[in-house]
Amino acid sequence: MERNVEKTKSLIEGIIEDLAQNTPITKVFNKVQILANYLQNDAFTVWVQNERMGYTDVHQLPEYRKTNVDILVDGISGRYSLTKYPIPNGSLGNEDLEKAMRVYYCFEKISNLEPFREKPEGVSFLVLPAVAYPTIGKIFPNGEIHVAYHKVPNLFFAGVVDAVNSKLLDFLLKLNKEMEFDVDFNMINKKTYIDMVANQTINAGVVNMGSGNVAIDNSQVIGGYNNTMPIPIEWKEKIRNILDEIDKIKEEDDADKEDIAREIITIKDELEKENASSSIIKRAFRVLKSFKPIVAEKAIEYGIEQIIAMI
């Protein structure tokens, strides 16, 4: 074997040993990032980057980072005070919307999740964006929603770390086994083989459609940058509500307010179409997330993430 192949194999074996010894995954990923640079495989590199830095595109989010959750609220209903009151299944009126709202999408970087591996007991209550409150509030006609939550078992977060650990180990074991048979990793079959292993392990159940990765397990695949599909009226209402909030704070930043206004117009124009392009709307929202006034408003930033996930 040539020197660079020996270095790659040594690095792979070192990471396998770290994983077997339950070395903290964040420390392991320092070596994994170096390995990704050696392998030059796009799928593996993107996955490593997403896990280290956190996901920004819901279409690249693996299935192990999604889970069905309960919705709870604090508020008032008539004369009664509500604290962590569970919203019954099927009570929100729109089956598709309710299904979307009851899924938690975990975008967090792996380092933020690792502590749950040591303490997986209990639950976390994650505040839903204000744009979700009008829909939930419809079941309390004589009341008011103060805060709405996703109830997420901490065991789920621990499971995300375990899934990352397992996928990485599976990928490296398969790669290392093939290198034992003196595969010439300097020849053209290097890329073909690594692509195959990555698709069997890291990207199992995900298909690349050009504009991102779309999960294909028991779901309809919608690919391509300019896909159009009907957006429910309730979702359009939520999007317009959060655009109104963004419009209010854009004046705080003279340098960016024109750019913010342009993205708002892009989204509003798209919403007027019968079959709005979710890709265009999501792209505009991702641009909006980069501006300082919006980054400073965590509720709005989280609301944008939820909208991106829902559409």
Protein backbone atom coordinates (compact mmCIF):
# COMPACT_ATOMS: atom_id res chain seq x y z
CA MET A 1 0.00 0.00 0.00
CA GLU A 2 1.14 3.50 -0.65
CA ARG A 3 1.78 5.85 2.24
CA ASN A 4 -1.46 7.84 1.95
CA VAL A 5 -3.50 4.61 1.89
CA GLU A 6 -1.66 3.40 5.00
CA LYS A 7 -2.42 6.70 6.75
CA THR A 8 -6.09 6.43 5.80
CA LYS A 9 -6.30 2.84 7.03
CA SER A 10 -4.54 3.74 10.29
CA LEU A 11 -6.95 6.62 10.84
CA ILE A 12 -9.97 4.39 10.16
CA GLU A 13 -8.73 1.78 12.63
CA GLY A 14 -8.10 4.47 15.24
CA ILE A 15 -11.66 5.80 14.91
CA ILE A 16 -13.09 2.27 15.10
CA GLU A 17 -11.17 1.73 18.35
CA ASP A 18 -12.44 5.05 19.74
CA LEU A 19 -16.03 4.11 18.92
CA ALA A 20 -15.62 0.67 20.48
CA GLN A 21 -14.32 2.30 23.68
CA ASN A 22 -17.24 4.76 23.79
CA THR A 23 -15.00 7.78 23.35
CA PRO A 24 -17.17 10.93 23.33
CA ILE A 25 -18.54 11.31 19.81
CA THR A 26 -17.51 14.97 19.63
CA LYS A 27 -13.86 13.97 20.10
CA VAL A 28 -14.22 11.18 17.57
CA PHE A 29 -15.57 13.64 15.00
CA ASN A 30 -12.33 15.62 15.05
CA LYS A 31 -10.67 12.57 13.49
CA VAL A 32 -13.70 11.88 11.31
CA GLN A 33 -13.40 15.32 9.74
CA ILE A 34 -9.79 14.54 8.79
CA LEU A 35 -10.90 11.19 7.35
CA ALA A 36 -13.60 12.90 5.28
CA ASN A 37 -10.91 15.10 3.77
CA TYR A 38 -8.86 12.02 2.87
CA LEU A 39 -11.77 10.10 1.34
CA GLN A 40 -13.15 13.00 -0.73
CA ASN A 41 -16.62 11.48 -0.77
CA ASP A 42 -19.40 14.08 -1.07
CA ALA A 43 -22.09 12.11 0.77
CA PHE A 44 -19.83 11.32 3.72
CA THR A 45 -18.43 14.86 3.88
CA VAL A 46 -21.90 16.45 3.90
CA TRP A 47 -23.11 14.06 6.60
CA VAL A 48 -20.07 14.77 8.80
CA GLN A 49 -20.48 18.53 8.34
CA ASN A 50 -24.20 18.39 9.17
CA GLU A 51 -23.66 16.33 12.31
CA ARG A 52 -20.82 18.56 13.52
CA MET A 53 -22.40 21.94 12.77
CA GLY A 54 -26.11 21.13 12.82
CA TYR A 55 -28.55 20.65 9.96
CA THR A 56 -30.04 23.57 8.01
CA ASP A 57 -31.99 21.68 5.34
CA VAL A 58 -34.88 19.46 6.44
CA HIS A 59 -34.49 17.41 3.24
CA GLN A 60 -31.03 16.32 4.41
CA LEU A 61 -32.32 15.40 7.87
CA PRO A 62 -31.96 11.62 8.46
CA GLU A 63 -34.92 9.61 9.72
CA TYR A 64 -33.17 9.04 13.06
CA ARG A 65 -33.46 12.79 13.71
CA LYS A 66 -37.27 12.83 13.42
CA THR A 67 -39.81 11.63 15.95
CA ASN A 68 -43.53 11.91 16.66
CA VAL A 69 -44.25 13.97 19.76
CA ASP A 70 -47.08 15.28 21.91
CA ILE A 71 -48.13 18.94 21.90
CA LEU A 72 -48.77 20.59 25.28
CA VAL A 73 -49.90 24.11 26.13
CA ASP A 74 -49.92 26.65 28.92
CA GLY A 75 -52.82 29.07 28.85
CA ILE A 76 -56.39 29.76 29.88
CA SER A 77 -59.63 28.00 28.94
CA GLY A 78 -62.66 29.73 30.38
CA ARG A 79 -62.13 29.91 34.13
CA TYR A 80 -59.42 27.26 34.12
CA SER A 81 -55.67 27.69 34.00
CA LEU A 82 -53.80 25.23 31.77
CA THR A 83 -50.29 24.02 32.55
CA LYS A 84 -48.62 21.55 30.19
CA TYR A 85 -52.08 20.54 29.01
CA PRO A 86 -51.86 17.78 26.34
CA ILE A 87 -53.62 18.49 23.05
CA PRO A 88 -55.66 15.38 22.09
CA ASN A 89 -54.78 13.65 18.84
CA GLY A 90 -57.07 14.59 15.96
CA SER A 91 -58.26 17.81 17.58
CA LEU A 92 -56.56 20.38 15.32
CA GLY A 93 -59.02 19.99 12.44
CA ASN A 94 -56.59 19.45 9.56
CA GLU A 95 -55.11 15.96 9.39
CA ASP A 96 -52.09 16.90 7.25
CA LEU A 97 -51.30 19.97 9.32
CA GLU A 98 -51.65 18.08 12.59
CA LYS A 99 -49.38 15.31 11.33
CA ALA A 100 -46.72 17.88 10.43
CA MET A 101 -47.03 19.75 13.73
CA ARG A 102 -46.65 16.57 15.77
CA VAL A 103 -43.27 15.72 14.25
CA TYR A 104 -40.16 17.05 15.96
CA TYR A 105 -37.20 17.68 13.64
CA CYS A 106 -33.86 17.67 15.42
CA PHE A 107 -31.48 20.12 13.70
CA GLU A 108 -29.05 20.38 16.66
CA LYS A 109 -25.36 19.64 16.26
CA ILE A 110 -24.23 16.37 17.76
CA SER A 111 -22.20 18.04 20.54
CA ASN A 112 -25.41 19.52 21.99
CA LEU A 113 -27.04 16.09 22.13
CA GLU A 114 -24.20 14.04 23.62
CA PRO A 115 -24.97 14.92 27.28
CA PHE A 116 -28.32 13.11 26.92
CA ARG A 117 -26.41 9.90 26.30
CA GLU A 118 -25.26 9.97 29.93
CA LYS A 119 -28.63 11.13 31.28
CA PRO A 120 -31.41 9.88 28.99
CA GLU A 121 -34.11 10.06 31.67
CA GLY A 122 -36.94 12.57 31.61
CA VAL A 123 -38.32 14.80 28.87
CA SER A 124 -37.60 18.17 27.28
CA PHE A 125 -40.30 20.74 26.56
CA LEU A 126 -39.36 22.68 23.43
CA VAL A 127 -41.31 25.86 22.76
CA LEU A 128 -43.21 25.95 19.48
CA PRO A 129 -43.10 29.14 17.39
CA ALA A 130 -45.87 31.65 17.87
CA VAL A 131 -47.12 31.01 14.32
CA ALA A 132 -48.46 27.65 15.53
CA TYR A 133 -50.63 29.19 18.27
CA PRO A 134 -53.64 30.28 16.15
CA THR A 135 -54.20 26.72 14.94
CA ILE A 136 -53.88 25.24 18.43
CA GLY A 137 -55.99 28.04 19.90
CA LYS A 138 -59.00 27.05 17.79
CA ILE A 139 -59.78 24.24 20.22
CA PHE A 140 -60.00 26.81 23.06
CA PRO A 141 -62.59 29.30 21.72
CA ASN A 142 -63.03 30.85 25.16
CA GLY A 143 -59.39 30.76 26.07
CA GLU A 144 -55.90 31.87 25.20
CA ILE A 145 -52.66 30.04 24.46
CA HIS A 146 -49.63 31.46 26.27
CA VAL A 147 -47.02 28.86 25.35
CA ALA A 148 -47.11 25.66 23.28
CA TYR A 149 -44.53 22.90 23.55
CA HIS A 150 -43.25 19.78 21.90
CA LYS A 151 -42.76 17.11 24.56
CA VAL A 152 -39.62 15.24 23.50
CA PRO A 153 -38.27 12.27 25.51
CA ASN A 154 -34.60 12.79 26.30
CA LEU A 155 -34.12 9.17 25.29
CA PHE A 156 -34.74 10.32 21.71
CA PHE A 157 -31.73 12.67 21.83
CA ALA A 158 -29.58 9.87 23.26
CA GLY A 159 -30.83 7.69 20.41
CA VAL A 160 -29.67 10.23 17.83
CA VAL A 161 -26.13 10.03 19.23
CA ASP A 162 -26.29 6.22 19.25
CA ALA A 163 -27.53 6.21 15.64
CA VAL A 164 -24.66 8.45 14.53
CA ASN A 165 -22.22 6.21 16.38
CA SER A 166 -23.70 3.07 14.79
CA LYS A 167 -23.78 4.46 11.23
CA LEU A 168 -20.21 5.70 11.48
CA LEU A 169 -18.98 2.37 12.85
CA ASP A 170 -20.81 0.40 10.15
CA PHE A 171 -19.35 2.63 7.41
CA LEU A 172 -15.79 2.33 8.74
CA LEU A 173 -15.91 -1.43 9.33
CA LYS A 174 -17.06 -2.06 5.76
CA LEU A 175 -14.42 0.29 4.38
CA ASN A 176 -11.67 -1.20 6.51
CA LYS A 177 -12.61 -4.76 5.55
CA GLU A 178 -12.28 -3.95 1.86
CA MET A 179 -8.90 -2.30 2.41
CA GLU A 180 -7.71 -5.51 4.08
CA PHE A 181 -8.03 -7.15 0.66
CA ASP A 182 -5.61 -4.61 -0.83
CA VAL A 183 -8.12 -2.75 -2.92
CA ASP A 184 -6.16 -0.14 -4.88
CA PHE A 185 -7.69 3.04 -3.47
CA ASN A 186 -5.68 5.14 -5.93
CA MET A 187 -7.54 3.75 -8.92
CA ILE A 188 -10.86 4.90 -10.31
CA ASN A 189 -12.76 2.24 -8.36
CA LYS A 190 -11.89 4.12 -5.14
CA LYS A 191 -14.71 6.62 -5.64
CA THR A 192 -17.18 3.99 -6.85
CA TYR A 193 -16.59 1.74 -3.88
CA ILE A 194 -16.72 4.48 -1.24
CA ASP A 195 -19.93 5.81 -2.83
CA MET A 196 -21.45 2.33 -2.56
CA VAL A 197 -20.46 1.91 1.10
CA ALA A 198 -21.70 5.42 1.98
CA ASN A 199 -25.06 4.72 0.32
CA GLN A 200 -25.40 1.41 2.16
CA THR A 201 -24.64 2.90 5.58
CA ILE A 202 -24.65 6.71 5.93
CA ASN A 203 -27.32 7.46 3.33
CA ALA A 204 -29.45 4.31 3.61
CA GLY A 205 -33.05 5.21 2.72
CA VAL A 206 -32.18 8.61 1.28
CA VAL A 207 -32.04 9.53 -2.40
CA ASN A 208 -30.28 12.58 -3.81
CA MET A 209 -32.58 14.60 -6.05
CA GLY A 210 -30.24 17.41 -7.06
CA SER A 211 -31.66 20.08 -4.76
CA GLY A 212 -31.15 18.03 -1.61
CA ASN A 213 -31.79 14.64 -0.07
CA VAL A 214 -35.36 13.37 0.27
CA ALA A 215 -36.25 10.46 2.55
CA ILE A 216 -37.88 7.66 0.56
CA ASP A 217 -38.95 5.31 3.35
CA ASN A 218 -42.77 4.94 3.06
CA SER A 219 -43.17 8.41 1.60
CA GLN A 220 -43.70 10.16 -1.70
CA VAL A 221 -40.52 11.45 -3.30
CA ILE A 222 -40.72 15.03 -4.59
CA GLY A 223 -37.48 16.05 -6.25
CA GLY A 224 -36.03 18.96 -8.16
CA TYR A 225 -35.39 22.59 -7.29
CA ASN A 226 -38.62 24.11 -8.55
CA ASN A 227 -41.13 21.59 -7.23
CA THR A 228 -44.58 23.08 -6.72
CA MET A 229 -47.31 21.75 -4.48
CA PRO A 230 -50.40 23.18 -2.78
CA ILE A 231 -49.61 24.75 0.59
CA PRO A 232 -52.54 24.45 3.06
CA ILE A 233 -54.30 27.71 3.94
CA GLU A 234 -53.34 27.26 7.61
CA TRP A 235 -49.67 27.09 6.67
CA LYS A 236 -49.94 30.15 4.46
CA GLU A 237 -51.48 31.99 7.40
CA LYS A 238 -48.57 30.97 9.63
CA ILE A 239 -46.05 32.08 7.02
CA ARG A 240 -47.73 35.48 6.63
CA ASN A 241 -47.82 35.93 10.42
CA ILE A 242 -44.11 35.38 10.78
CA LEU A 243 -43.42 37.64 7.78
CA ASP A 244 -45.33 40.37 9.60
CA GLU A 245 -43.07 39.90 12.63
CA ILE A 246 -39.96 40.04 10.45
CA ASP A 247 -41.27 43.16 8.73
CA LYS A 248 -41.53 44.89 12.12
CA ILE A 249 -37.94 44.21 13.13
CA LYS A 250 -36.26 44.84 9.78
CA GLU A 251 -36.08 48.58 10.53
CA GLU A 252 -33.55 47.81 13.26
CA ASP A 253 -30.86 47.16 10.64
CA ASP A 254 -30.45 49.90 8.03
CA ALA A 255 -27.74 47.93 6.24
CA ASP A 256 -29.93 44.89 5.59
CA LYS A 257 -33.52 46.14 5.61
CA GLU A 258 -33.75 46.37 1.81
CA ASP A 259 -32.44 42.82 1.41
CA ILE A 260 -34.86 41.59 4.09
CA ALA A 261 -37.74 43.38 2.37
CA ARG A 262 -36.82 41.76 -0.95
CA GLU A 263 -36.97 38.25 0.52
CA ILE A 264 -40.31 39.04 2.20
CA ILE A 265 -41.73 40.13 -1.17
CA THR A 266 -40.38 36.95 -2.80
CA ILE A 267 -42.23 34.78 -0.28
CA LYS A 268 -45.46 36.80 -0.41
CA ASP A 269 -45.49 36.71 -4.22
CA GLU A 270 -45.02 32.95 -4.18
CA LEU A 271 -47.84 32.47 -1.66
CA GLU A 272 -50.26 34.13 -4.08
CA LYS A 273 -49.73 31.34 -6.61
CA GLU A 274 -52.11 28.37 -6.66
CA ASN A 275 -49.19 25.94 -6.57
CA ALA A 276 -46.50 27.77 -4.65
CA SER A 277 -42.92 26.54 -4.87
CA SER A 278 -41.89 25.33 -1.43
CA SER A 279 -38.25 25.36 -2.59
CA ILE A 280 -38.36 29.08 -3.40
CA ILE A 281 -40.07 29.88 -0.09
CA LYS A 282 -37.57 27.82 1.90
CA ARG A 283 -34.62 29.37 0.09
CA ALA A 284 -35.91 32.88 0.92
CA PHE A 285 -36.45 31.95 4.57
CA ARG A 286 -32.91 30.56 4.80
CA VAL A 287 -31.62 33.88 3.50
CA LEU A 288 -33.72 35.73 6.08
CA LYS A 289 -32.23 33.58 8.86
CA SER A 290 -28.78 34.99 8.08
CA PHE A 291 -29.63 38.60 8.98
CA LYS A 292 -28.69 39.92 12.44
CA PRO A 293 -32.12 41.25 13.53
CA ILE A 294 -33.64 37.82 12.90
CA VAL A 295 -30.78 35.87 14.50
CA ALA A 296 -31.29 38.02 17.61
CA GLU A 297 -34.98 37.04 17.79
CA LYS A 298 -34.83 33.36 18.72
CA ALA A 299 -38.61 32.87 18.60
CA ILE A 300 -38.70 34.12 15.01
CA GLU A 301 -35.63 32.09 14.05
CA TYR A 302 -37.20 28.94 15.49
CA GLY A 303 -40.48 29.77 13.75
CA ILE A 304 -38.64 29.93 10.43
CA GLU A 305 -37.05 26.53 11.09
CA GLN A 306 -40.48 25.03 11.78
CA ILE A 307 -41.93 26.49 8.58
CA ILE A 308 -39.01 25.14 6.56
CA ALA A 309 -39.62 21.74 8.13
CA MET A 310 -43.39 21.81 7.50
CA ILE A 311 -43.31 22.74 3.81
